[in-house]
Amino acid sequence: MTKAEQFREYAEEAMQWSRQSKTEDARKMLIDLAFTWTQAASLSEMKSLCPPEQRISIEPKLAMYVL
């Protein structure tokens, strides 16, 4: 499994949790987390498409969430 695939699984889990959230704040936070994981997946894919000699360090800044 690629990093991008793993990140997309994390995004899907966050969306599943958001649908089960008891509060609107928790739901919004989990949707934001899913969006962040989706961005990380896209960045990972873009990085893997570049030839190694042209790659720059692309490290997504993932927000830390406390559930």
PDB file of N, CA and C in Angstrom:
ATOM      1  N   MET A   1       0.845  -1.174   0.000  1.00  0.00           N
ATOM      2  CA  MET A   1       0.000   0.000   0.000  1.00  0.00           C
ATOM      3  C   MET A   1       0.894   1.243   0.000  1.00  0.00           C
ATOM      4  N   THR A   2       0.558   2.190  -0.858  1.00  0.00           N
ATOM      5  CA  THR A   2       1.344   3.419  -0.918  1.00  0.00           C
ATOM      6  C   THR A   2       0.965   4.350   0.229  1.00  0.00           C
ATOM      7  N   LYS A   3       1.813   5.343   0.450  1.00  0.00           N
ATOM      8  CA  LYS A   3       1.486   6.351   1.460  1.00  0.00           C
ATOM      9  C   LYS A   3       0.185   7.057   1.111  1.00  0.00           C
ATOM     10  N   ALA A   4       0.007   7.384  -0.164  1.00  0.00           N
ATOM     11  CA  ALA A   4      -1.216   8.077  -0.599  1.00  0.00           C
ATOM     12  C   ALA A   4      -2.457   7.235  -0.289  1.00  0.00           C
ATOM     13  N   GLU A   5      -2.384   5.942  -0.540  1.00  0.00           N
ATOM     14  CA  GLU A   5      -3.520   5.068  -0.241  1.00  0.00           C
ATOM     15  C   GLU A   5      -3.798   5.020   1.255  1.00  0.00           C
ATOM     16  N   GLN A   6      -2.736   4.968   2.052  1.00  0.00           N
ATOM     17  CA  GLN A   6      -2.911   4.953   3.502  1.00  0.00           C
ATOM     18  C   GLN A   6      -3.531   6.262   3.978  1.00  0.00           C
ATOM     19  N   PHE A   7      -3.053   7.377   3.443  1.00  0.00           N
ATOM     20  CA  PHE A   7      -3.596   8.683   3.825  1.00  0.00           C
ATOM     21  C   PHE A   7      -5.082   8.783   3.458  1.00  0.00           C
ATOM     22  N   ARG A   8      -5.455   8.227   2.304  1.00  0.00           N
ATOM     23  CA  ARG A   8      -6.868   8.257   1.904  1.00  0.00           C
ATOM     24  C   ARG A   8      -7.730   7.381   2.831  1.00  0.00           C
ATOM     25  N   GLU A   9      -7.166   6.295   3.310  1.00  0.00           N
ATOM     26  CA  GLU A   9      -7.895   5.482   4.295  1.00  0.00           C
ATOM     27  C   GLU A   9      -8.121   6.271   5.579  1.00  0.00           C
ATOM     28  N   TYR A  10      -7.097   6.995   6.018  1.00  0.00           N
ATOM     29  CA  TYR A  10      -7.250   7.837   7.209  1.00  0.00           C
ATOM     30  C   TYR A  10      -8.346   8.884   6.983  1.00  0.00           C
ATOM     31  N   ALA A  11      -8.377   9.471   5.787  1.00  0.00           N
ATOM     32  CA  ALA A  11      -9.398  10.469   5.468  1.00  0.00           C
ATOM     33  C   ALA A  11     -10.792   9.852   5.537  1.00  0.00           C
ATOM     34  N   GLU A  12     -10.943   8.658   4.995  1.00  0.00           N
ATOM     35  CA  GLU A  12     -12.240   7.990   5.029  1.00  0.00           C
ATOM     36  C   GLU A  12     -12.660   7.667   6.464  1.00  0.00           C
ATOM     37  N   GLU A  13     -11.714   7.237   7.287  1.00  0.00           N
ATOM     38  CA  GLU A  13     -12.024   6.980   8.698  1.00  0.00           C
ATOM     39  C   GLU A  13     -12.495   8.248   9.389  1.00  0.00           C
ATOM     40  N   ALA A  14     -11.818   9.347   9.133  1.00  0.00           N
ATOM     41  CA  ALA A  14     -12.212  10.616   9.752  1.00  0.00           C
ATOM     42  C   ALA A  14     -13.628  11.006   9.320  1.00  0.00           C
ATOM     43  N   MET A  15     -13.955  10.774   8.043  1.00  0.00           N
ATOM     44  CA  MET A  15     -15.313  11.089   7.577  1.00  0.00           C
ATOM     45  C   MET A  15     -16.347  10.173   8.238  1.00  0.00           C
ATOM     46  N   GLN A  16     -16.002   8.906   8.416  1.00  0.00           N
ATOM     47  CA  GLN A  16     -16.922   7.996   9.111  1.00  0.00           C
ATOM     48  C   GLN A  16     -17.156   8.473  10.539  1.00  0.00           C
ATOM     49  N   TRP A  17     -16.089   8.870  11.218  1.00  0.00           N
ATOM     50  CA  TRP A  17     -16.228   9.384  12.590  1.00  0.00           C
ATOM     51  C   TRP A  17     -17.060  10.655  12.610  1.00  0.00           C
ATOM     52  N   SER A  18     -16.890  11.500  11.584  1.00  0.00           N
ATOM     53  CA  SER A  18     -17.645  12.761  11.561  1.00  0.00           C
ATOM     54  C   SER A  18     -19.143  12.493  11.477  1.00  0.00           C
ATOM     55  N   ARG A  19     -19.533  11.442  10.752  1.00  0.00           N
ATOM     56  CA  ARG A  19     -20.950  11.107  10.638  1.00  0.00           C
ATOM     57  C   ARG A  19     -21.525  10.575  11.954  1.00  0.00           C
ATOM     58  N   GLN A  20     -20.655  10.131  12.842  1.00  0.00           N
ATOM     59  CA  GLN A  20     -21.099   9.603  14.131  1.00  0.00           C
ATOM     60  C   GLN A  20     -20.926  10.609  15.268  1.00  0.00           C
ATOM     61  N   SER A  21     -20.453  11.788  14.944  1.00  0.00           N
ATOM     62  CA  SER A  21     -20.142  12.793  15.961  1.00  0.00           C
ATOM     63  C   SER A  21     -21.392  13.233  16.708  1.00  0.00           C
ATOM     64  N   LYS A  22     -21.201  13.489  17.966  1.00  0.00           N
ATOM     65  CA  LYS A  22     -22.298  13.940  18.818  1.00  0.00           C
ATOM     66  C   LYS A  22     -22.471  15.458  18.769  1.00  0.00           C
ATOM     67  N   THR A  23     -21.395  16.172  18.456  1.00  0.00           N
ATOM     68  CA  THR A  23     -21.472  17.628  18.438  1.00  0.00           C
ATOM     69  C   THR A  23     -21.059  18.178  17.075  1.00  0.00           C
ATOM     70  N   GLU A  24     -21.541  19.362  16.771  1.00  0.00           N
ATOM     71  CA  GLU A  24     -21.196  20.027  15.519  1.00  0.00           C
ATOM     72  C   GLU A  24     -19.706  20.363  15.475  1.00  0.00           C
ATOM     73  N   ASP A  25     -19.141  20.776  16.608  1.00  0.00           N
ATOM     74  CA  ASP A  25     -17.704  21.098  16.653  1.00  0.00           C
ATOM     75  C   ASP A  25     -16.855  19.869  16.323  1.00  0.00           C
ATOM     76  N   ALA A  26     -17.212  18.729  16.892  1.00  0.00           N
ATOM     77  CA  ALA A  26     -16.465  17.497  16.617  1.00  0.00           C
ATOM     78  C   ALA A  26     -16.609  17.111  15.148  1.00  0.00           C
ATOM     79  N   ARG A  27     -17.809  17.259  14.602  1.00  0.00           N
ATOM     80  CA  ARG A  27     -18.034  16.924  13.200  1.00  0.00           C
ATOM     81  C   ARG A  27     -17.170  17.794  12.292  1.00  0.00           C
ATOM     82  N   LYS A  28     -17.152  19.090  12.551  1.00  0.00           N
ATOM     83  CA  LYS A  28     -16.348  20.009  11.737  1.00  0.00           C
ATOM     84  C   LYS A  28     -14.859  19.693  11.850  1.00  0.00           C
ATOM     85  N   MET A  29     -14.403  19.394  13.057  1.00  0.00           N
ATOM     86  CA  MET A  29     -12.993  19.074  13.256  1.00  0.00           C
ATOM     87  C   MET A  29     -12.591  17.821  12.487  1.00  0.00           C
ATOM     88  N   LEU A  30     -13.442  16.821  12.490  1.00  0.00           N
ATOM     89  CA  LEU A  30     -13.141  15.577  11.790  1.00  0.00           C
ATOM     90  C   LEU A  30     -13.193  15.749  10.275  1.00  0.00           C
ATOM     91  N   ILE A  31     -14.086  16.581   9.793  1.00  0.00           N
ATOM     92  CA  ILE A  31     -14.114  16.875   8.357  1.00  0.00           C
ATOM     93  C   ILE A  31     -12.832  17.599   7.958  1.00  0.00           C
ATOM     94  N   ASP A  32     -12.392  18.522   8.806  1.00  0.00           N
ATOM     95  CA  ASP A  32     -11.128  19.227   8.546  1.00  0.00           C
ATOM     96  C   ASP A  32      -9.958  18.249   8.557  1.00  0.00           C
ATOM     97  N   LEU A  33      -9.967  17.312   9.462  1.00  0.00           N
ATOM     98  CA  LEU A  33      -8.922  16.293   9.523  1.00  0.00           C
ATOM     99  C   LEU A  33      -8.927  15.446   8.239  1.00  0.00           C
ATOM    100  N   ALA A  34     -10.105  15.063   7.778  1.00  0.00           N
ATOM    101  CA  ALA A  34     -10.217  14.292   6.536  1.00  0.00           C
ATOM    102  C   ALA A  34      -9.655  15.089   5.362  1.00  0.00           C
ATOM    103  N   PHE A  35      -9.945  16.370   5.317  1.00  0.00           N
ATOM    104  CA  PHE A  35      -9.419  17.229   4.257  1.00  0.00           C
ATOM    105  C   PHE A  35      -7.890  17.268   4.311  1.00  0.00           C
ATOM    106  N   THR A  36      -7.341  17.373   5.510  1.00  0.00           N
ATOM    107  CA  THR A  36      -5.890  17.409   5.676  1.00  0.00           C
ATOM    108  C   THR A  36      -5.255  16.111   5.185  1.00  0.00           C
ATOM    109  N   TRP A  37      -5.853  14.972   5.515  1.00  0.00           N
ATOM    110  CA  TRP A  37      -5.327  13.689   5.043  1.00  0.00           C
ATOM    111  C   TRP A  37      -5.431  13.576   3.527  1.00  0.00           C
ATOM    112  N   THR A  38      -6.501  14.106   2.954  1.00  0.00           N
ATOM    113  CA  THR A  38      -6.654  14.090   1.492  1.00  0.00           C
ATOM    114  C   THR A  38      -5.572  14.933   0.831  1.00  0.00           C
ATOM    115  N   GLN A  39      -5.279  16.087   1.417  1.00  0.00           N
ATOM    116  CA  GLN A  39      -4.192  16.920   0.897  1.00  0.00           C
ATOM    117  C   GLN A  39      -2.857  16.181   0.979  1.00  0.00           C
ATOM    118  N   ALA A  40      -2.627  15.506   2.090  1.00  0.00           N
ATOM    119  CA  ALA A  40      -1.382  14.752   2.258  1.00  0.00           C
ATOM    120  C   ALA A  40      -1.276  13.662   1.192  1.00  0.00           C
ATOM    121  N   ALA A  41      -2.382  13.005   0.879  1.00  0.00           N
ATOM    122  CA  ALA A  41      -2.378  11.973  -0.159  1.00  0.00           C
ATOM    123  C   ALA A  41      -2.021  12.576  -1.516  1.00  0.00           C
ATOM    124  N   SER A  42      -2.606  13.713  -1.829  1.00  0.00           N
ATOM    125  CA  SER A  42      -2.315  14.373  -3.109  1.00  0.00           C
ATOM    126  C   SER A  42      -0.854  14.791  -3.196  1.00  0.00           C
ATOM    127  N   LEU A  43      -0.334  15.352  -2.131  1.00  0.00           N
ATOM    128  CA  LEU A  43       1.075  15.759  -2.112  1.00  0.00           C
ATOM    129  C   LEU A  43       1.994  14.551  -2.268  1.00  0.00           C
ATOM    130  N   SER A  44       1.642  13.471  -1.617  1.00  0.00           N
ATOM    131  CA  SER A  44       2.452  12.256  -1.714  1.00  0.00           C
ATOM    132  C   SER A  44       2.469  11.735  -3.146  1.00  0.00           C
ATOM    133  N   GLU A  45       1.320  11.762  -3.800  1.00  0.00           N
ATOM    134  CA  GLU A  45       1.260  11.320  -5.192  1.00  0.00           C
ATOM    135  C   GLU A  45       2.065  12.231  -6.109  1.00  0.00           C
ATOM    136  N   MET A  46       1.947  13.530  -5.900  1.00  0.00           N
ATOM    137  CA  MET A  46       2.701  14.469  -6.736  1.00  0.00           C
ATOM    138  C   MET A  46       4.198  14.253  -6.560  1.00  0.00           C
ATOM    139  N   LYS A  47       4.610  14.039  -5.329  1.00  0.00           N
ATOM    140  CA  LYS A  47       6.028  13.817  -5.046  1.00  0.00           C
ATOM    141  C   LYS A  47       6.526  12.558  -5.743  1.00  0.00           C
ATOM    142  N   SER A  48       5.706  11.522  -5.766  1.00  0.00           N
ATOM    143  CA  SER A  48       6.135  10.259  -6.369  1.00  0.00           C
ATOM    144  C   SER A  48       6.190  10.340  -7.899  1.00  0.00           C
ATOM    145  N   LEU A  49       5.499  11.296  -8.501  1.00  0.00           N
ATOM    146  CA  LEU A  49       5.505  11.441  -9.954  1.00  0.00           C
ATOM    147  C   LEU A  49       6.730  12.181 -10.478  1.00  0.00           C
ATOM    148  N   CYS A  50       7.394  12.941  -9.608  1.00  0.00           N
ATOM    149  CA  CYS A  50       8.582  13.688 -10.025  1.00  0.00           C
ATOM    150  C   CYS A  50       9.785  12.751 -10.084  1.00  0.00           C
ATOM    151  N   PRO A  51      10.642  12.956 -11.077  1.00  0.00           N
ATOM    152  CA  PRO A  51      11.890  12.192 -11.086  1.00  0.00           C
ATOM    153  C   PRO A  51      12.698  12.517  -9.824  1.00  0.00           C
ATOM    154  N   PRO A  52      13.397  11.545  -9.264  1.00  0.00           N
ATOM    155  CA  PRO A  52      14.123  11.765  -8.008  1.00  0.00           C
ATOM    156  C   PRO A  52      15.038  12.985  -8.024  1.00  0.00           C
ATOM    157  N   GLU A  53      15.693  13.244  -9.142  1.00  0.00           N
ATOM    158  CA  GLU A  53      16.630  14.378  -9.181  1.00  0.00           C
ATOM    159  C   GLU A  53      15.913  15.732  -9.158  1.00  0.00           C
ATOM    160  N   GLN A  54      14.603  15.741  -9.415  1.00  0.00           N
ATOM    161  CA  GLN A  54      13.855  16.994  -9.418  1.00  0.00           C
ATOM    162  C   GLN A  54      12.989  17.165  -8.173  1.00  0.00           C
ATOM    163  N   ARG A  55      13.016  16.200  -7.313  1.00  0.00           N
ATOM    164  CA  ARG A  55      12.159  16.259  -6.123  1.00  0.00           C
ATOM    165  C   ARG A  55      12.659  17.281  -5.120  1.00  0.00           C
ATOM    166  N   ILE A  56      11.719  17.967  -4.542  1.00  0.00           N
ATOM    167  CA  ILE A  56      12.004  18.832  -3.409  1.00  0.00           C
ATOM    168  C   ILE A  56      11.265  18.238  -2.218  1.00  0.00           C
ATOM    169  N   SER A  57      11.645  18.626  -1.069  1.00  0.00           N
ATOM    170  CA  SER A  57      10.991  18.092   0.119  1.00  0.00           C
ATOM    171  C   SER A  57       9.605  18.704   0.245  1.00  0.00           C
ATOM    172  N   ILE A  58       8.590  17.856   0.169  1.00  0.00           N
ATOM    173  CA  ILE A  58       7.209  18.300   0.356  1.00  0.00           C
ATOM    174  C   ILE A  58       6.682  17.536   1.561  1.00  0.00           C
ATOM    175  N   GLU A  59       6.697  18.175   2.672  1.00  0.00           N
ATOM    176  CA  GLU A  59       6.207  17.543   3.889  1.00  0.00           C
ATOM    177  C   GLU A  59       4.936  18.260   4.325  1.00  0.00           C
ATOM    178  N   PRO A  60       3.780  17.600   4.178  1.00  0.00           N
ATOM    179  CA  PRO A  60       2.539  18.256   4.577  1.00  0.00           C
ATOM    180  C   PRO A  60       2.530  18.527   6.077  1.00  0.00           C
ATOM    181  N   LYS A  61       2.035  19.681   6.418  1.00  0.00           N
ATOM    182  CA  LYS A  61       1.908  20.038   7.830  1.00  0.00           C
ATOM    183  C   LYS A  61       0.550  19.562   8.298  1.00  0.00           C
ATOM    184  N   LEU A  62       0.540  18.442   8.949  1.00  0.00           N
ATOM    185  CA  LEU A  62      -0.712  17.879   9.429  1.00  0.00           C
ATOM    186  C   LEU A  62      -1.014  18.426  10.811  1.00  0.00           C
ATOM    187  N   ALA A  63      -2.201  18.958  10.950  1.00  0.00           N
ATOM    188  CA  ALA A  63      -2.599  19.500  12.238  1.00  0.00           C
ATOM    189  C   ALA A  63      -2.765  18.361  13.237  1.00  0.00           C
ATOM    190  N   MET A  64      -2.454  18.636  14.458  1.00  0.00           N
ATOM    191  CA  MET A  64      -2.619  17.649  15.515  1.00  0.00           C
ATOM    192  C   MET A  64      -3.990  17.845  16.142  1.00  0.00           C
ATOM    193  N   TYR A  65      -4.727  16.785  16.245  1.00  0.00           N
ATOM    194  CA  TYR A  65      -6.062  16.841  16.809  1.00  0.00           C
ATOM    195  C   TYR A  65      -6.138  15.926  18.026  1.00  0.00           C
ATOM    196  N   VAL A  66      -6.835  16.391  19.016  1.00  0.00           N
ATOM    197  CA  VAL A  66      -7.077  15.574  20.200  1.00  0.00           C
ATOM    198  C   VAL A  66      -8.561  15.239  20.199  1.00  0.00           C
ATOM    199  N   LEU A  67      -8.854  13.966  20.124  1.00  0.00           N
ATOM    200  CA  LEU A  67     -10.257  13.532  20.089  1.00  0.00           C
ATOM    201  C   LEU A  67     -10.752  13.243  21.467  1.00  0.00           C
TER     202      LEU A  67
END
